[in-house]
């Protein structure tokens, strides 16, 4: 899964200032940045926080996203369906689910720019990952050549979550979105697990929801592959 937020420069300035103020409260306890899985496990820099402090921290940080004008951008793929349904030609363009998710995320950013930012180019920053970087840059270069989408897409860059607050917000969103969809896809839903509903995810997507993104389950993946194969036939 790939997930993150898109927002205007003014909105991001507000989020980053508020996020930093919260983290600064915990600097004396060794907390310098936020990482969701480490936080949930109480490991590393969060090992020194008791339960009330951990609840306070997550409530404060999630509260920032609850009231900020930020739009969740996300895409996920069911890996089991991927292994079963993908074709050799499809895999040439999208070697791994991450690459298809990236393509979908760029499409969402294009639409956001058109409808919410008057076509302002959207710079994109991803967490640095050597495994995917080369292929991602190929896909992004192709998108920037698109006759309609290219003008809306800004510079692609990479960073480290320790240093980039928007990547920390993306980490929280990705963790929660993945957990909810894995529960919906693979677990029996009941009242004990709140039918798959995660209140934190609802809180951090309160203004715009999750409608802009989606999960490639079996039918969605079959449709994406079929469309790709048709486009290849037309171009050959």
Protein backbone atom coordinates (compact mmCIF):
# COMPACT_ATOMS: atom_id res chain seq x y z
CA UNK A 1 0.00 0.00 0.00
CA UNK A 2 0.99 3.59 -0.65
CA UNK A 3 -0.71 6.32 1.35
CA UNK A 4 -0.16 9.95 2.20
CA UNK A 5 -1.76 13.36 2.24
CA UNK A 6 -1.93 16.18 -0.25
CA UNK A 7 -2.61 19.77 0.77
CA UNK A 8 -1.85 23.35 -0.06
CA UNK A 9 1.40 24.87 1.12
CA UNK A 10 -0.45 26.90 3.75
CA UNK A 11 -2.16 23.81 5.16
CA UNK A 12 1.13 21.93 5.33
CA UNK A 13 2.83 24.81 7.13
CA UNK A 14 0.12 24.70 9.80
CA UNK A 15 0.31 20.92 10.17
CA UNK A 16 4.09 20.86 10.45
CA UNK A 17 4.22 23.60 13.06
CA UNK A 18 1.57 21.91 15.20
CA UNK A 19 3.17 18.46 14.76
CA UNK A 20 6.55 19.76 15.83
CA UNK A 21 5.07 21.43 18.92
CA UNK A 22 3.57 18.13 20.04
CA UNK A 23 6.78 16.19 19.49
CA UNK A 24 8.77 18.87 21.31
CA UNK A 25 6.74 18.10 24.44
CA UNK A 26 8.27 14.62 24.40
CA UNK A 27 11.83 15.53 23.45
CA UNK A 28 13.03 15.11 27.03
CA UNK A 29 11.81 11.49 26.89
CA UNK A 30 13.75 10.76 23.71
CA UNK A 31 10.94 11.16 21.15
CA UNK A 32 12.15 13.13 18.14
CA UNK A 33 9.87 11.88 15.34
CA UNK A 34 6.80 9.71 14.89
CA UNK A 35 6.78 6.16 13.53
CA UNK A 36 3.48 4.30 13.85
CA UNK A 37 4.57 0.67 14.18
CA UNK A 38 7.29 1.61 16.68
CA UNK A 39 4.73 3.64 18.61
CA UNK A 40 2.15 0.85 18.62
CA UNK A 41 4.69 -1.66 19.89
CA UNK A 42 6.07 0.71 22.52
CA UNK A 43 9.57 0.15 21.16
CA UNK A 44 12.60 2.34 20.55
CA UNK A 45 12.06 5.99 21.33
CA UNK A 46 8.55 5.23 22.68
CA UNK A 47 9.70 2.63 25.21
CA UNK A 48 9.88 5.23 27.95
CA UNK A 49 6.26 6.37 27.58
CA UNK A 50 3.60 4.90 29.82
CA UNK A 51 0.09 4.22 28.51
CA UNK A 52 -1.44 7.61 29.45
CA UNK A 53 1.41 9.47 27.76
CA UNK A 54 1.15 7.32 24.64
CA UNK A 55 -2.59 7.96 24.45
CA UNK A 56 -2.01 11.67 24.89
CA UNK A 57 0.60 11.70 22.12
CA UNK A 58 -1.52 9.88 19.55
CA UNK A 59 -4.59 11.95 20.42
CA UNK A 60 -2.67 15.17 19.95
CA UNK A 61 -1.10 14.18 16.65
CA UNK A 62 -4.27 12.68 15.21
CA UNK A 63 -6.16 15.77 16.31
CA UNK A 64 -3.96 17.86 14.04
CA UNK A 65 -4.96 15.78 11.02
CA UNK A 66 -8.59 15.71 12.12
CA UNK A 67 -8.93 19.47 11.68
CA UNK A 68 -6.43 20.10 8.88
CA UNK A 69 -7.51 20.56 5.27
CA UNK A 70 -5.50 17.58 4.02
CA UNK A 71 -6.74 14.97 1.56
CA UNK A 72 -5.83 11.30 1.95
CA UNK A 73 -4.30 9.81 -1.20
CA UNK A 74 -3.90 6.06 -1.17
CA UNK A 75 -3.93 2.80 -3.09
CA UNK A 76 -3.46 -0.82 -2.12
CA UNK A 77 -3.31 -4.22 -3.78
CA UNK A 78 -4.31 -7.64 -2.51
CA UNK A 79 -1.00 -9.48 -2.96
CA UNK A 80 -2.62 -12.92 -3.23
CA UNK A 81 -4.82 -11.79 -6.10
CA UNK A 82 -1.81 -10.14 -7.72
CA UNK A 83 0.13 -13.39 -7.88
CA UNK A 84 -2.83 -15.21 -9.37
CA UNK A 85 -4.14 -12.69 -11.91
CA UNK A 86 -1.26 -10.68 -13.34
CA UNK A 87 -0.02 -11.43 -16.86
CA UNK A 88 3.60 -11.36 -18.10
CA UNK A 89 2.98 -8.24 -20.17
CA UNK A 90 1.32 -6.46 -17.25
CA UNK A 91 4.27 -7.35 -15.03
CA UNK A 92 6.66 -5.76 -17.48
CA UNK A 93 5.11 -2.40 -16.70
CA UNK A 94 4.19 -3.09 -13.08
CA UNK A 95 6.73 -5.58 -11.68
CA UNK A 96 5.29 -5.35 -8.18
CA UNK A 97 2.06 -4.12 -6.58
CA UNK A 98 3.89 -1.01 -5.37
CA UNK A 99 4.31 0.17 -8.96
CA UNK A 100 0.61 -0.09 -9.75
CA UNK A 101 -0.20 1.71 -6.51
CA UNK A 102 2.20 4.49 -7.44
CA UNK A 103 0.50 4.94 -10.81
CA UNK A 104 -2.89 5.20 -9.08
CA UNK A 105 -1.58 7.67 -6.52
CA UNK A 106 -0.23 9.98 -9.23
CA UNK A 107 -3.61 9.87 -10.94
CA UNK A 108 -5.28 10.94 -7.70
CA UNK A 109 -2.84 13.82 -7.27
CA UNK A 110 -3.61 15.03 -10.77
CA UNK A 111 -7.34 15.06 -10.00
CA UNK A 112 -6.76 16.84 -6.66
CA UNK A 113 -4.76 19.58 -8.35
CA UNK A 114 -7.46 20.13 -10.97
CA UNK A 115 -10.32 20.33 -8.50
CA UNK A 116 -8.77 21.80 -5.35
CA UNK A 117 -5.68 23.80 -6.29
CA UNK A 118 -6.55 25.47 -9.61
CA UNK A 119 -4.08 23.28 -11.44
CA UNK A 120 -1.09 24.21 -9.29
CA UNK A 121 1.75 21.71 -9.83
CA UNK A 122 1.92 19.23 -6.96
CA UNK A 123 5.42 18.29 -5.78
CA UNK A 124 5.61 14.73 -4.47
CA UNK A 125 7.89 13.40 -1.77
CA UNK A 126 8.22 9.69 -1.03
CA UNK A 127 10.11 7.89 1.67
CA UNK A 128 13.45 6.85 0.19
CA UNK A 129 13.35 3.23 -1.01
CA UNK A 130 16.11 2.08 -3.35
CA UNK A 131 14.14 -1.01 -4.37
CA UNK A 132 11.46 0.95 -6.19
CA UNK A 133 13.05 4.29 -7.04
CA UNK A 134 14.18 3.59 -10.60
CA UNK A 135 10.88 2.18 -11.82
CA UNK A 136 8.88 4.85 -10.02
CA UNK A 137 10.83 7.56 -11.79
CA UNK A 138 10.05 5.92 -15.14
CA UNK A 139 6.33 5.91 -14.36
CA UNK A 140 6.41 9.48 -13.11
CA UNK A 141 8.30 10.69 -16.16
CA UNK A 142 5.64 9.13 -18.35
CA UNK A 143 2.90 10.86 -16.38
CA UNK A 144 4.61 14.23 -16.73
CA UNK A 145 4.53 13.79 -20.50
CA UNK A 146 0.78 13.24 -20.39
CA UNK A 147 -0.94 15.99 -22.44
CA UNK A 148 -3.41 16.82 -19.64
CA UNK A 149 -1.84 15.59 -16.42
CA UNK A 150 1.77 16.67 -16.88
CA UNK A 151 1.26 20.33 -16.09
CA UNK A 152 -0.30 19.50 -12.72
CA UNK A 153 2.61 17.39 -11.47
CA UNK A 154 5.60 18.99 -9.81
CA UNK A 155 8.98 17.68 -8.77
CA UNK A 156 9.39 14.13 -7.49
CA UNK A 157 11.75 13.78 -4.54
CA UNK A 158 12.62 11.43 -1.71
CA UNK A 159 13.20 11.95 1.96
CA UNK A 160 13.53 10.26 5.33
CA UNK A 161 10.59 10.27 7.75
CA UNK A 162 12.90 11.23 10.61
CA UNK A 163 13.43 14.55 8.86
CA UNK A 164 10.14 15.13 6.99
CA UNK A 165 6.93 15.58 8.95
CA UNK A 166 4.56 14.97 6.00
CA UNK A 167 6.12 11.50 5.68
CA UNK A 168 5.33 10.87 9.36
CA UNK A 169 1.68 11.79 8.75
CA UNK A 170 1.70 9.45 5.74
CA UNK A 171 3.05 6.65 7.91
CA UNK A 172 0.16 7.01 10.34
CA UNK A 173 -2.36 6.97 7.50
CA UNK A 174 -0.78 3.99 5.75
CA UNK A 175 -0.65 1.95 8.97
CA UNK A 176 -4.30 2.56 9.77
CA UNK A 177 -5.61 2.14 6.21
CA UNK A 178 -3.68 -1.11 5.77
CA UNK A 179 -4.93 -2.45 9.11
CA UNK A 180 -8.55 -1.68 8.27
CA UNK A 181 -8.46 -3.14 4.79
CA UNK A 182 -6.61 -6.27 5.91
CA UNK A 183 -9.30 -6.82 8.50
CA UNK A 184 -12.06 -6.33 5.92
CA UNK A 185 -10.34 -8.58 3.36
CA UNK A 186 -8.97 -11.39 5.51
CA UNK A 187 -10.66 -11.51 8.91
CA UNK A 188 -14.13 -12.33 10.12
CA UNK A 189 -15.85 -9.08 11.01
CA UNK A 190 -17.71 -9.00 14.30
CA UNK A 191 -18.60 -6.63 17.09
CA UNK A 192 -15.40 -7.46 18.96
CA UNK A 193 -13.32 -5.95 16.15
CA UNK A 194 -15.91 -3.21 15.52
CA UNK A 195 -16.77 -4.74 12.12
CA UNK A 196 -13.36 -3.65 10.87
CA UNK A 197 -13.94 0.03 11.70
CA UNK A 198 -10.89 1.85 13.06
CA UNK A 199 -11.76 5.08 14.90
CA UNK A 200 -8.26 6.51 14.47
CA UNK A 201 -8.46 6.15 10.68
CA UNK A 202 -11.85 7.86 10.70
CA UNK A 203 -10.41 10.67 12.80
CA UNK A 204 -7.38 11.39 10.62
CA UNK A 205 -9.49 11.46 7.44
CA UNK A 206 -12.43 13.35 8.97
CA UNK A 207 -12.72 16.26 6.52
CA UNK A 208 -12.33 14.51 3.16
CA UNK A 209 -12.63 10.83 4.02
CA UNK A 210 -10.99 8.03 2.02
CA UNK A 211 -13.08 8.34 -1.12
CA UNK A 212 -10.16 9.38 -3.31
CA UNK A 213 -8.30 6.10 -2.95
CA UNK A 214 -9.06 2.44 -3.12
CA UNK A 215 -7.97 -1.15 -2.81
CA UNK A 216 -7.34 -3.34 -5.83
CA UNK A 217 -9.18 -6.47 -4.77
CA UNK A 218 -9.93 -9.28 -7.18
CA UNK A 219 -12.39 -7.46 -9.42
CA UNK A 220 -10.50 -4.18 -9.37
CA UNK A 221 -7.27 -5.88 -10.35
CA UNK A 222 -8.95 -7.88 -13.12
CA UNK A 223 -10.37 -4.63 -14.52
CA UNK A 224 -6.99 -2.87 -14.37
CA UNK A 225 -5.28 -5.77 -16.17
CA UNK A 226 -8.00 -5.98 -18.82
CA UNK A 227 -7.78 -2.25 -19.54
CA UNK A 228 -4.02 -2.49 -19.78
CA UNK A 229 -4.17 -5.41 -22.21
CA UNK A 230 -6.68 -3.56 -24.42
CA UNK A 231 -4.46 -0.47 -24.48
CA UNK A 232 -1.49 -2.60 -25.48
CA UNK A 233 -3.43 -4.19 -28.32
CA UNK A 234 -4.48 -0.77 -29.60
CA UNK A 235 -0.94 0.55 -29.52
CA UNK A 236 0.65 -2.48 -31.20
